[in-house]
């Protein structure tokens, strides 16, 4: 199966607006930088997501030349290898950079049908994989449920937050997450997975290995005072606005925290605060952030990343590792 046939089948099933060709990923990532994707697919329901993943898996298996085989990678009539079509789910795009050469494949982004947050009678809260964490935090506050305030300023979605065990201000997803519903990368298996089976660690989970996609999550919270919850969220927002460059495009904290250290402190001590490459700069407000000051390319951001990594390693022996996922090809 080739791109044209795949595109036609997806549009027939999901609708024209759900399949975007040559998608400019600057419009779908918080960095507002980088290249294009061959296709961006936005399913709105679980059935559409299942179909999308099934067709993408089939497209990667089928022979591209005659369309007469179903996974052998070639056949006696054409002796042509299959054309693999890579694909991945990107969540809200708040922790990803697509290189300037673009992504030669298909990116899948969960649509509005996965964007909800509902309080339950037992004190839990369920949310779709595309729900923004701030949306979940507001829903919790409205239901007088406390425990999710720490995530109110994290610029990501529920699915991405579970994938990387997102955290801030002393809290992490593993503190409140009880279970998720996932779908396998090929769309064939739907599972309810208890949180204790997700191997949630510092900015990591078992989902990285499995490739399973979170479509729904359940959080167990506690009854609290709405006024106190909202005051806590306001205070965290004040701290974030004072100390982080929230007014410029970025992917949040760019580097993982090295054991026993803070990435921002190491970068600042290395004299790199405010350093720029092209339109990308180490934030003068918080050295743990790389920001797009205007017109930054993916190459600018990667070059600045490597410069920071090499300088910090030369001075301290510590190699900083990015939290941000960098995909695609060089231009």
C-alpha atoms as a PDB file:
ATOM      1  CA  UNK A   1       0.000   0.000   0.000  1.00  0.00           C
ATOM      2  CA  UNK A   2       1.375   3.437  -0.912  1.00  0.00           C
ATOM      3  CA  UNK A   3       0.688   6.863   0.597  1.00  0.00           C
ATOM      4  CA  UNK A   4      -2.015   7.751  -1.922  1.00  0.00           C
ATOM      5  CA  UNK A   5      -4.021   4.628  -1.214  1.00  0.00           C
ATOM      6  CA  UNK A   6      -3.536   4.984   2.540  1.00  0.00           C
ATOM      7  CA  UNK A   7      -4.595   8.628   2.398  1.00  0.00           C
ATOM      8  CA  UNK A   8      -7.707   7.770   0.397  1.00  0.00           C
ATOM      9  CA  UNK A   9      -8.774   5.035   2.817  1.00  0.00           C
ATOM     10  CA  UNK A  10      -8.216   7.225   5.865  1.00  0.00           C
ATOM     11  CA  UNK A  11     -10.128  10.147   4.370  1.00  0.00           C
ATOM     12  CA  UNK A  12     -13.035   7.870   3.436  1.00  0.00           C
ATOM     13  CA  UNK A  13     -13.263   6.609   7.005  1.00  0.00           C
ATOM     14  CA  UNK A  14     -12.315   9.703   9.058  1.00  0.00           C
ATOM     15  CA  UNK A  15     -13.265  12.557   6.741  1.00  0.00           C
ATOM     16  CA  UNK A  16     -11.236  15.013   4.681  1.00  0.00           C
ATOM     17  CA  UNK A  17     -10.404  17.353   7.575  1.00  0.00           C
ATOM     18  CA  UNK A  18      -8.910  14.549   9.676  1.00  0.00           C
ATOM     19  CA  UNK A  19      -6.092  13.766   7.218  1.00  0.00           C
ATOM     20  CA  UNK A  20      -3.667  16.642   6.611  1.00  0.00           C
ATOM     21  CA  UNK A  21      -1.066  16.312   3.880  1.00  0.00           C
ATOM     22  CA  UNK A  22       2.359  17.898   4.178  1.00  0.00           C
ATOM     23  CA  UNK A  23       1.401  19.133   7.643  1.00  0.00           C
ATOM     24  CA  UNK A  24       3.493  22.008   8.954  1.00  0.00           C
ATOM     25  CA  UNK A  25       4.438  20.763  12.422  1.00  0.00           C
ATOM     26  CA  UNK A  26       5.189  24.286  13.585  1.00  0.00           C
ATOM     27  CA  UNK A  27       1.425  24.556  13.914  1.00  0.00           C
ATOM     28  CA  UNK A  28       1.145  21.405  16.036  1.00  0.00           C
ATOM     29  CA  UNK A  29       4.124  21.611  18.407  1.00  0.00           C
ATOM     30  CA  UNK A  30       4.775  24.016  21.265  1.00  0.00           C
ATOM     31  CA  UNK A  31       8.270  24.826  19.935  1.00  0.00           C
ATOM     32  CA  UNK A  32       6.699  26.409  16.816  1.00  0.00           C
ATOM     33  CA  UNK A  33       9.735  25.165  14.893  1.00  0.00           C
ATOM     34  CA  UNK A  34      10.756  22.327  12.608  1.00  0.00           C
ATOM     35  CA  UNK A  35       9.574  20.675   9.432  1.00  0.00           C
ATOM     36  CA  UNK A  36       6.539  18.984   7.929  1.00  0.00           C
ATOM     37  CA  UNK A  37       5.045  15.519   8.169  1.00  0.00           C
ATOM     38  CA  UNK A  38       3.927  13.590   5.088  1.00  0.00           C
ATOM     39  CA  UNK A  39       0.578  13.035   6.775  1.00  0.00           C
ATOM     40  CA  UNK A  40      -0.982  14.149  10.038  1.00  0.00           C
ATOM     41  CA  UNK A  41      -4.029  12.104  11.035  1.00  0.00           C
ATOM     42  CA  UNK A  42      -6.443  13.261  13.741  1.00  0.00           C
ATOM     43  CA  UNK A  43      -8.934  10.539  14.786  1.00  0.00           C
ATOM     44  CA  UNK A  44     -11.857  11.707  16.924  1.00  0.00           C
ATOM     45  CA  UNK A  45     -13.109   8.408  18.347  1.00  0.00           C
ATOM     46  CA  UNK A  46     -11.664   5.147  19.592  1.00  0.00           C
ATOM     47  CA  UNK A  47     -13.065   3.400  16.518  1.00  0.00           C
ATOM     48  CA  UNK A  48     -11.346   5.905  14.222  1.00  0.00           C
ATOM     49  CA  UNK A  49      -8.090   5.547  16.147  1.00  0.00           C
ATOM     50  CA  UNK A  50      -8.292   1.758  15.970  1.00  0.00           C
ATOM     51  CA  UNK A  51      -8.921   1.905  12.227  1.00  0.00           C
ATOM     52  CA  UNK A  52      -6.082   4.401  11.708  1.00  0.00           C
ATOM     53  CA  UNK A  53      -3.574   2.278  13.593  1.00  0.00           C
ATOM     54  CA  UNK A  54      -4.721  -0.883  11.828  1.00  0.00           C
ATOM     55  CA  UNK A  55      -4.332   0.708   8.402  1.00  0.00           C
ATOM     56  CA  UNK A  56      -0.922   2.169   9.295  1.00  0.00           C
ATOM     57  CA  UNK A  57       0.265  -1.226  10.473  1.00  0.00           C
ATOM     58  CA  UNK A  58      -1.031  -2.835   7.299  1.00  0.00           C
ATOM     59  CA  UNK A  59       0.540  -0.124   5.126  1.00  0.00           C
ATOM     60  CA  UNK A  60       3.911  -0.828   6.703  1.00  0.00           C
ATOM     61  CA  UNK A  61       3.570  -4.531   5.956  1.00  0.00           C
ATOM     62  CA  UNK A  62       2.129  -4.567   2.453  1.00  0.00           C
ATOM     63  CA  UNK A  63       4.170  -4.600  -0.741  1.00  0.00           C
ATOM     64  CA  UNK A  64       4.097  -1.172  -2.366  1.00  0.00           C
ATOM     65  CA  UNK A  65       4.351  -2.222  -6.010  1.00  0.00           C
ATOM     66  CA  UNK A  66       1.456  -4.494  -6.863  1.00  0.00           C
ATOM     67  CA  UNK A  67      -0.618  -4.489  -3.669  1.00  0.00           C
ATOM     68  CA  UNK A  68      -1.168  -8.208  -3.970  1.00  0.00           C
ATOM     69  CA  UNK A  69       0.593  -9.422  -0.842  1.00  0.00           C
ATOM     70  CA  UNK A  70      -0.150  -8.938   2.844  1.00  0.00           C
ATOM     71  CA  UNK A  71       3.021  -8.775   4.793  1.00  0.00           C
ATOM     72  CA  UNK A  72       5.714 -10.912   3.173  1.00  0.00           C
ATOM     73  CA  UNK A  73       7.849  -7.902   2.213  1.00  0.00           C
ATOM     74  CA  UNK A  74       7.988  -8.848  -1.454  1.00  0.00           C
ATOM     75  CA  UNK A  75       6.641 -11.457  -3.857  1.00  0.00           C
ATOM     76  CA  UNK A  76       7.691 -13.579  -6.793  1.00  0.00           C
ATOM     77  CA  UNK A  77       5.696 -11.514  -9.272  1.00  0.00           C
ATOM     78  CA  UNK A  78       7.433  -8.206  -8.539  1.00  0.00           C
ATOM     79  CA  UNK A  79      10.348  -9.106  -6.259  1.00  0.00           C
ATOM     80  CA  UNK A  80      10.013  -5.673  -4.654  1.00  0.00           C
ATOM     81  CA  UNK A  81      10.507  -5.062  -0.948  1.00  0.00           C
ATOM     82  CA  UNK A  82       7.741  -3.464   1.056  1.00  0.00           C
ATOM     83  CA  UNK A  83       7.865   0.304   1.519  1.00  0.00           C
ATOM     84  CA  UNK A  84       7.692   0.823   5.233  1.00  0.00           C
ATOM     85  CA  UNK A  85       5.572   3.770   6.311  1.00  0.00           C
ATOM     86  CA  UNK A  86       6.748   4.887   9.754  1.00  0.00           C
ATOM     87  CA  UNK A  87       4.213   6.370  12.130  1.00  0.00           C
ATOM     88  CA  UNK A  88       3.897   7.519  15.706  1.00  0.00           C
ATOM     89  CA  UNK A  89       1.453   9.216  18.075  1.00  0.00           C
ATOM     90  CA  UNK A  90       2.580  12.655  19.212  1.00  0.00           C
ATOM     91  CA  UNK A  91       0.051  13.742  21.841  1.00  0.00           C
ATOM     92  CA  UNK A  92      -0.275  17.495  22.272  1.00  0.00           C
ATOM     93  CA  UNK A  93       3.114  18.186  20.657  1.00  0.00           C
ATOM     94  CA  UNK A  94       4.411  19.928  23.793  1.00  0.00           C
ATOM     95  CA  UNK A  95       7.451  17.710  24.215  1.00  0.00           C
ATOM     96  CA  UNK A  96       8.564  17.058  20.650  1.00  0.00           C
ATOM     97  CA  UNK A  97      10.704  18.630  17.936  1.00  0.00           C
ATOM     98  CA  UNK A  98      10.365  17.644  14.283  1.00  0.00           C
ATOM     99  CA  UNK A  99      13.653  18.255  12.464  1.00  0.00           C
ATOM    100  CA  UNK A 100      13.653  20.710   9.551  1.00  0.00           C
ATOM    101  CA  UNK A 101      13.693  17.924   6.952  1.00  0.00           C
ATOM    102  CA  UNK A 102      10.342  16.800   8.273  1.00  0.00           C
ATOM    103  CA  UNK A 103       8.923  13.448   9.291  1.00  0.00           C
ATOM    104  CA  UNK A 104       8.786  11.024   6.392  1.00  0.00           C
ATOM    105  CA  UNK A 105       5.782   9.123   7.586  1.00  0.00           C
ATOM    106  CA  UNK A 106       2.508   9.587   9.446  1.00  0.00           C
ATOM    107  CA  UNK A 107       1.972  11.362  12.732  1.00  0.00           C
ATOM    108  CA  UNK A 108      -1.201  10.680  14.700  1.00  0.00           C
ATOM    109  CA  UNK A 109      -2.696  13.234  17.079  1.00  0.00           C
ATOM    110  CA  UNK A 110      -5.752  12.394  19.177  1.00  0.00           C
ATOM    111  CA  UNK A 111      -8.706  14.630  18.354  1.00  0.00           C
ATOM    112  CA  UNK A 112     -11.310  16.450  20.412  1.00  0.00           C
ATOM    113  CA  UNK A 113     -13.210  13.249  21.111  1.00  0.00           C
ATOM    114  CA  UNK A 114     -10.403  12.314  23.510  1.00  0.00           C
ATOM    115  CA  UNK A 115     -10.446  15.725  25.192  1.00  0.00           C
ATOM    116  CA  UNK A 116     -12.608  15.415  28.326  1.00  0.00           C
ATOM    117  CA  UNK A 117     -12.288  15.254  32.107  1.00  0.00           C
ATOM    118  CA  UNK A 118     -15.063  13.974  34.369  1.00  0.00           C
ATOM    119  CA  UNK A 119     -15.256  13.677  38.141  1.00  0.00           C
ATOM    120  CA  UNK A 120     -16.706  10.383  39.374  1.00  0.00           C
ATOM    121  CA  UNK A 121     -18.804   9.700  42.520  1.00  0.00           C
ATOM    122  CA  UNK A 122     -16.004   7.683  44.161  1.00  0.00           C
ATOM    123  CA  UNK A 123     -13.654  10.683  44.231  1.00  0.00           C
ATOM    124  CA  UNK A 124     -11.775   9.665  41.111  1.00  0.00           C
ATOM    125  CA  UNK A 125     -11.446  11.615  37.907  1.00  0.00           C
ATOM    126  CA  UNK A 126     -11.323  10.164  34.402  1.00  0.00           C
ATOM    127  CA  UNK A 127      -9.809  11.966  31.445  1.00  0.00           C
ATOM    128  CA  UNK A 128      -9.211  11.306  27.778  1.00  0.00           C
ATOM    129  CA  UNK A 129      -5.731  10.978  26.359  1.00  0.00           C
ATOM    130  CA  UNK A 130      -5.954  14.327  24.552  1.00  0.00           C
ATOM    131  CA  UNK A 131      -7.158  16.316  27.577  1.00  0.00           C
ATOM    132  CA  UNK A 132      -4.716  19.028  28.581  1.00  0.00           C
ATOM    133  CA  UNK A 133      -3.426  18.731  32.128  1.00  0.00           C
ATOM    134  CA  UNK A 134      -4.680  22.225  32.965  1.00  0.00           C
ATOM    135  CA  UNK A 135      -8.168  21.119  31.828  1.00  0.00           C
ATOM    136  CA  UNK A 136      -8.005  18.137  34.187  1.00  0.00           C
ATOM    137  CA  UNK A 137      -6.778  20.361  37.026  1.00  0.00           C
ATOM    138  CA  UNK A 138      -9.695  22.773  36.539  1.00  0.00           C
ATOM    139  CA  UNK A 139     -12.181  19.875  36.437  1.00  0.00           C
ATOM    140  CA  UNK A 140     -10.706  18.541  39.682  1.00  0.00           C
ATOM    141  CA  UNK A 141     -10.975  21.960  41.334  1.00  0.00           C
ATOM    142  CA  UNK A 142     -14.594  22.333  40.199  1.00  0.00           C
ATOM    143  CA  UNK A 143     -15.356  18.965  41.787  1.00  0.00           C
ATOM    144  CA  UNK A 144     -13.460  19.949  44.965  1.00  0.00           C
ATOM    145  CA  UNK A 145     -10.877  17.224  44.403  1.00  0.00           C
ATOM    146  CA  UNK A 146      -7.299  17.903  45.511  1.00  0.00           C
ATOM    147  CA  UNK A 147      -4.057  16.245  44.444  1.00  0.00           C
ATOM    148  CA  UNK A 148      -3.781  17.349  40.830  1.00  0.00           C
ATOM    149  CA  UNK A 149      -2.733  20.952  41.444  1.00  0.00           C
ATOM    150  CA  UNK A 150       0.940  20.215  40.695  1.00  0.00           C
ATOM    151  CA  UNK A 151       0.075  19.444  37.056  1.00  0.00           C
ATOM    152  CA  UNK A 152      -2.048  22.531  36.416  1.00  0.00           C
ATOM    153  CA  UNK A 153       0.772  24.370  34.642  1.00  0.00           C
ATOM    154  CA  UNK A 154       2.389  21.498  32.764  1.00  0.00           C
ATOM    155  CA  UNK A 155       1.791  22.175  29.036  1.00  0.00           C
ATOM    156  CA  UNK A 156       0.944  18.651  27.972  1.00  0.00           C
ATOM    157  CA  UNK A 157      -1.845  16.135  27.489  1.00  0.00           C
ATOM    158  CA  UNK A 158      -2.905  13.240  29.688  1.00  0.00           C
ATOM    159  CA  UNK A 159      -1.567  10.630  27.259  1.00  0.00           C
ATOM    160  CA  UNK A 160       1.840  12.267  27.001  1.00  0.00           C
ATOM    161  CA  UNK A 161       1.979  12.869  30.751  1.00  0.00           C
ATOM    162  CA  UNK A 162       1.367   9.183  31.471  1.00  0.00           C
ATOM    163  CA  UNK A 163       3.880   8.186  28.794  1.00  0.00           C
ATOM    164  CA  UNK A 164       6.681  10.162  30.480  1.00  0.00           C
ATOM    165  CA  UNK A 165       5.376  10.315  34.073  1.00  0.00           C
ATOM    166  CA  UNK A 166       5.269  14.108  33.905  1.00  0.00           C
ATOM    167  CA  UNK A 167       5.742  16.063  37.076  1.00  0.00           C
ATOM    168  CA  UNK A 168       6.324  19.471  38.642  1.00  0.00           C
ATOM    169  CA  UNK A 169       6.552  21.095  42.062  1.00  0.00           C
ATOM    170  CA  UNK A 170       7.079  17.831  43.923  1.00  0.00           C
ATOM    171  CA  UNK A 171       4.280  15.873  42.250  1.00  0.00           C
ATOM    172  CA  UNK A 172       4.241  13.263  39.475  1.00  0.00           C
ATOM    173  CA  UNK A 173       1.623  11.310  37.563  1.00  0.00           C
ATOM    174  CA  UNK A 174       2.522   8.184  39.518  1.00  0.00           C
ATOM    175  CA  UNK A 175       1.273   9.899  42.694  1.00  0.00           C
ATOM    176  CA  UNK A 176      -2.332  10.137  41.473  1.00  0.00           C
ATOM    177  CA  UNK A 177      -2.677   7.772  38.489  1.00  0.00           C
ATOM    178  CA  UNK A 178      -4.527   4.527  39.228  1.00  0.00           C
ATOM    179  CA  UNK A 179      -5.081   2.994  35.792  1.00  0.00           C
ATOM    180  CA  UNK A 180      -5.074   3.672  32.070  1.00  0.00           C
ATOM    181  CA  UNK A 181      -6.830   2.237  29.065  1.00  0.00           C
ATOM    182  CA  UNK A 182      -4.409   1.708  26.210  1.00  0.00           C
ATOM    183  CA  UNK A 183      -4.580   0.574  22.633  1.00  0.00           C
ATOM    184  CA  UNK A 184      -1.698  -1.233  20.982  1.00  0.00           C
ATOM    185  CA  UNK A 185       0.302   0.439  18.240  1.00  0.00           C
ATOM    186  CA  UNK A 186      -1.363  -1.725  15.585  1.00  0.00           C
ATOM    187  CA  UNK A 187      -4.848  -1.055  16.960  1.00  0.00           C
ATOM    188  CA  UNK A 188      -5.551  -4.708  17.685  1.00  0.00           C
ATOM    189  CA  UNK A 189      -5.478  -4.851  21.497  1.00  0.00           C
ATOM    190  CA  UNK A 190      -7.257  -2.666  24.028  1.00  0.00           C
ATOM    191  CA  UNK A 191      -6.208  -3.096  27.652  1.00  0.00           C
ATOM    192  CA  UNK A 192      -6.949  -1.726  31.098  1.00  0.00           C
ATOM    193  CA  UNK A 193      -3.574  -1.401  32.803  1.00  0.00           C
ATOM    194  CA  UNK A 194      -3.152  -0.683  36.534  1.00  0.00           C
ATOM    195  CA  UNK A 195      -0.683   2.117  37.227  1.00  0.00           C
ATOM    196  CA  UNK A 196       1.607  -0.223  39.168  1.00  0.00           C
ATOM    197  CA  UNK A 197       2.245  -2.141  35.946  1.00  0.00           C
ATOM    198  CA  UNK A 198       3.371   0.941  34.014  1.00  0.00           C
ATOM    199  CA  UNK A 199       6.839   1.051  35.611  1.00  0.00           C
ATOM    200  CA  UNK A 200       6.504   4.771  36.176  1.00  0.00           C
ATOM    201  CA  UNK A 201       9.891   6.340  36.873  1.00  0.00           C
ATOM    202  CA  UNK A 202      11.582   9.668  36.390  1.00  0.00           C
ATOM    203  CA  UNK A 203      10.274  10.824  32.981  1.00  0.00           C
ATOM    204  CA  UNK A 204       9.799   7.270  31.824  1.00  0.00           C
ATOM    205  CA  UNK A 205       7.295   4.402  31.747  1.00  0.00           C
ATOM    206  CA  UNK A 206       6.754   0.969  30.247  1.00  0.00           C
ATOM    207  CA  UNK A 207       4.736   2.681  27.502  1.00  0.00           C
ATOM    208  CA  UNK A 208       8.001   3.776  25.875  1.00  0.00           C
ATOM    209  CA  UNK A 209       8.894   0.125  25.268  1.00  0.00           C
ATOM    210  CA  UNK A 210       5.458  -1.181  24.366  1.00  0.00           C
ATOM    211  CA  UNK A 211       4.401   1.682  22.101  1.00  0.00           C
ATOM    212  CA  UNK A 212       0.880   1.408  23.525  1.00  0.00           C
ATOM    213  CA  UNK A 213      -1.204   4.586  23.405  1.00  0.00           C
ATOM    214  CA  UNK A 214      -3.131   5.956  26.380  1.00  0.00           C
ATOM    215  CA  UNK A 215      -6.702   6.763  25.363  1.00  0.00           C
ATOM    216  CA  UNK A 216      -8.109   7.200  28.867  1.00  0.00           C
ATOM    217  CA  UNK A 217      -6.700   7.597  32.373  1.00  0.00           C
ATOM    218  CA  UNK A 218      -8.142   7.431  35.870  1.00  0.00           C
ATOM    219  CA  UNK A 219      -6.805   9.488  38.774  1.00  0.00           C
ATOM    220  CA  UNK A 220      -7.650   8.967  42.438  1.00  0.00           C
ATOM    221  CA  UNK A 221      -7.843  12.285  44.264  1.00  0.00           C
ATOM    222  CA  UNK A 222      -9.037  13.454  47.681  1.00  0.00           C
ATOM    223  CA  UNK A 223     -11.880  15.684  48.758  1.00  0.00           C
ATOM    224  CA  UNK A 224     -10.735  19.212  49.426  1.00  0.00           C
ATOM    225  CA  UNK A 225     -11.729  22.841  49.559  1.00  0.00           C
ATOM    226  CA  UNK A 226     -12.286  24.398  46.157  1.00  0.00           C
ATOM    227  CA  UNK A 227     -10.995  27.726  47.433  1.00  0.00           C
ATOM    228  CA  UNK A 228      -7.772  26.170  48.753  1.00  0.00           C
ATOM    229  CA  UNK A 229      -7.279  24.145  45.570  1.00  0.00           C
ATOM    230  CA  UNK A 230      -7.704  27.224  43.373  1.00  0.00           C
ATOM    231  CA  UNK A 231      -5.393  29.254  45.611  1.00  0.00           C
ATOM    232  CA  UNK A 232      -2.722  26.567  45.316  1.00  0.00           C
ATOM    233  CA  UNK A 233      -3.073  26.558  41.538  1.00  0.00           C
ATOM    234  CA  UNK A 234      -2.806  30.361  41.460  1.00  0.00           C
ATOM    235  CA  UNK A 235       0.337  30.264  43.588  1.00  0.00           C
ATOM    236  CA  UNK A 236       1.952  27.623  41.370  1.00  0.00           C
ATOM    237  CA  UNK A 237       1.009  29.671  38.311  1.00  0.00           C
ATOM    238  CA  UNK A 238       2.588  32.750  39.892  1.00  0.00           C
ATOM    239  CA  UNK A 239       5.816  30.834  40.573  1.00  0.00           C
ATOM    240  CA  UNK A 240       5.863  29.443  37.070  1.00  0.00           C
ATOM    241  CA  UNK A 241       5.290  32.855  35.490  1.00  0.00           C
ATOM    242  CA  UNK A 242       8.065  34.403  37.590  1.00  0.00           C
ATOM    243  CA  UNK A 243      10.669  31.719  36.989  1.00  0.00           C
ATOM    244  CA  UNK A 244       9.884  30.216  33.587  1.00  0.00           C
ATOM    245  CA  UNK A 245       9.691  31.738  30.080  1.00  0.00           C
ATOM    246  CA  UNK A 246       6.008  31.027  29.569  1.00  0.00           C
ATOM    247  CA  UNK A 247       5.650  33.843  27.026  1.00  0.00           C
ATOM    248  CA  UNK A 248       7.951  32.206  24.451  1.00  0.00           C
ATOM    249  CA  UNK A 249       7.552  28.947  22.503  1.00  0.00           C
ATOM    250  CA  UNK A 250       9.415  26.060  24.130  1.00  0.00           C
ATOM    251  CA  UNK A 251       8.993  22.434  25.077  1.00  0.00           C
ATOM    252  CA  UNK A 252       9.204  23.070  28.801  1.00  0.00           C
ATOM    253  CA  UNK A 253      12.262  21.784  30.638  1.00  0.00           C
ATOM    254  CA  UNK A 254      14.521  20.648  27.821  1.00  0.00           C
ATOM    255  CA  UNK A 255      16.833  18.322  29.745  1.00  0.00           C
ATOM    256  CA  UNK A 256      16.208  15.543  32.229  1.00  0.00           C
ATOM    257  CA  UNK A 257      17.416  16.144  35.757  1.00  0.00           C
ATOM    258  CA  UNK A 258      20.735  14.343  36.349  1.00  0.00           C
ATOM    259  CA  UNK A 259      20.817  12.350  39.575  1.00  0.00           C
ATOM    260  CA  UNK A 260      21.853  14.631  42.408  1.00  0.00           C
ATOM    261  CA  UNK A 261      21.807  17.763  40.269  1.00  0.00           C
ATOM    262  CA  UNK A 262      19.505  20.199  38.463  1.00  0.00           C
ATOM    263  CA  UNK A 263      19.998  20.683  34.737  1.00  0.00           C
ATOM    264  CA  UNK A 264      19.241  24.401  34.866  1.00  0.00           C
ATOM    265  CA  UNK A 265      21.797  24.993  37.610  1.00  0.00           C
ATOM    266  CA  UNK A 266      24.501  23.073  35.730  1.00  0.00           C
ATOM    267  CA  UNK A 267      23.822  25.059  32.562  1.00  0.00           C
ATOM    268  CA  UNK A 268      23.888  28.375  34.404  1.00  0.00           C
ATOM    269  CA  UNK A 269      27.091  27.485  36.272  1.00  0.00           C
ATOM    270  CA  UNK A 270      28.679  26.654  32.921  1.00  0.00           C
ATOM    271  CA  UNK A 271      28.032  30.248  31.848  1.00  0.00           C
ATOM    272  CA  UNK A 272      25.468  29.333  29.186  1.00  0.00           C
ATOM    273  CA  UNK A 273      22.434  31.242  30.401  1.00  0.00           C
ATOM    274  CA  UNK A 274      21.250  33.460  27.538  1.00  0.00           C
ATOM    275  CA  UNK A 275      23.416  31.693  24.926  1.00  0.00           C
ATOM    276  CA  UNK A 276      21.804  31.628  21.481  1.00  0.00           C
ATOM    277  CA  UNK A 277      22.137  29.842  18.157  1.00  0.00           C
ATOM    278  CA  UNK A 278      20.056  31.464  15.443  1.00  0.00           C
ATOM    279  CA  UNK A 279      16.582  31.998  16.840  1.00  0.00           C
ATOM    280  CA  UNK A 280      17.036  29.513  19.698  1.00  0.00           C
ATOM    281  CA  UNK A 281      18.232  30.684  23.100  1.00  0.00           C
ATOM    282  CA  UNK A 282      18.942  29.258  26.537  1.00  0.00           C
ATOM    283  CA  UNK A 283      16.365  31.209  28.480  1.00  0.00           C
ATOM    284  CA  UNK A 284      17.817  34.110  30.511  1.00  0.00           C
ATOM    285  CA  UNK A 285      14.975  33.480  32.977  1.00  0.00           C
ATOM    286  CA  UNK A 286      15.532  29.730  33.492  1.00  0.00           C
ATOM    287  CA  UNK A 287      18.571  27.998  32.011  1.00  0.00           C
ATOM    288  CA  UNK A 288      16.764  24.658  31.853  1.00  0.00           C
ATOM    289  CA  UNK A 289      14.601  25.974  29.011  1.00  0.00           C
ATOM    290  CA  UNK A 290      15.494  26.418  25.358  1.00  0.00           C
ATOM    291  CA  UNK A 291      13.139  28.942  23.797  1.00  0.00           C
ATOM    292  CA  UNK A 292      12.247  30.019  20.285  1.00  0.00           C
ATOM    293  CA  UNK A 293      12.785  33.782  20.240  1.00  0.00           C
ATOM    294  CA  UNK A 294      11.416  34.022  16.718  1.00  0.00           C
ATOM    295  CA  UNK A 295      12.230  32.118  13.557  1.00  0.00           C
ATOM    296  CA  UNK A 296      14.231  29.365  15.252  1.00  0.00           C
ATOM    297  CA  UNK A 297      14.735  26.290  13.097  1.00  0.00           C
ATOM    298  CA  UNK A 298      14.964  22.744  14.293  1.00  0.00           C
ATOM    299  CA  UNK A 299      18.653  22.881  13.427  1.00  0.00           C
ATOM    300  CA  UNK A 300      19.103  25.955  15.651  1.00  0.00           C
ATOM    301  CA  UNK A 301      17.516  24.152  18.588  1.00  0.00           C
ATOM    302  CA  UNK A 302      19.511  20.949  18.089  1.00  0.00           C
ATOM    303  CA  UNK A 303      22.775  22.856  17.638  1.00  0.00           C
ATOM    304  CA  UNK A 304      22.144  24.754  20.864  1.00  0.00           C
ATOM    305  CA  UNK A 305      21.262  21.503  22.623  1.00  0.00           C
ATOM    306  CA  UNK A 306      24.552  19.896  21.581  1.00  0.00           C
ATOM    307  CA  UNK A 307      26.529  22.990  22.545  1.00  0.00           C
ATOM    308  CA  UNK A 308      24.980  22.931  26.003  1.00  0.00           C
ATOM    309  CA  UNK A 309      25.549  19.181  26.365  1.00  0.00           C
ATOM    310  CA  UNK A 310      29.187  19.353  25.306  1.00  0.00           C
ATOM    311  CA  UNK A 311      30.026  22.389  27.421  1.00  0.00           C
ATOM    312  CA  UNK A 312      28.397  21.059  30.583  1.00  0.00           C
ATOM    313  CA  UNK A 313      30.029  17.655  30.089  1.00  0.00           C
ATOM    314  CA  UNK A 314      33.447  19.239  29.560  1.00  0.00           C
ATOM    315  CA  UNK A 315      33.115  21.260  32.777  1.00  0.00           C
ATOM    316  CA  UNK A 316      31.399  18.709  35.013  1.00  0.00           C
ATOM    317  CA  UNK A 317      31.648  15.271  33.423  1.00  0.00           C
ATOM    318  CA  UNK A 318      27.837  15.097  33.387  1.00  0.00           C
ATOM    319  CA  UNK A 319      26.067  14.446  30.090  1.00  0.00           C
ATOM    320  CA  UNK A 320      22.664  16.098  29.986  1.00  0.00           C
ATOM    321  CA  UNK A 321      19.982  14.046  28.256  1.00  0.00           C
ATOM    322  CA  UNK A 322      17.014  15.691  26.540  1.00  0.00           C
ATOM    323  CA  UNK A 323      13.468  15.226  27.770  1.00  0.00           C
ATOM    324  CA  UNK A 324      12.293  16.456  24.389  1.00  0.00           C
ATOM    325  CA  UNK A 325      11.759  13.795  21.728  1.00  0.00           C
ATOM    326  CA  UNK A 326      13.511  14.735  18.485  1.00  0.00           C
ATOM    327  CA  UNK A 327      12.218  13.008  15.365  1.00  0.00           C
ATOM    328  CA  UNK A 328      12.477  13.311  11.607  1.00  0.00           C
ATOM    329  CA  UNK A 329      15.410  13.964   9.331  1.00  0.00           C
ATOM    330  CA  UNK A 330      17.899  16.740   8.752  1.00  0.00           C
ATOM    331  CA  UNK A 331      17.068  19.134   5.955  1.00  0.00           C
END
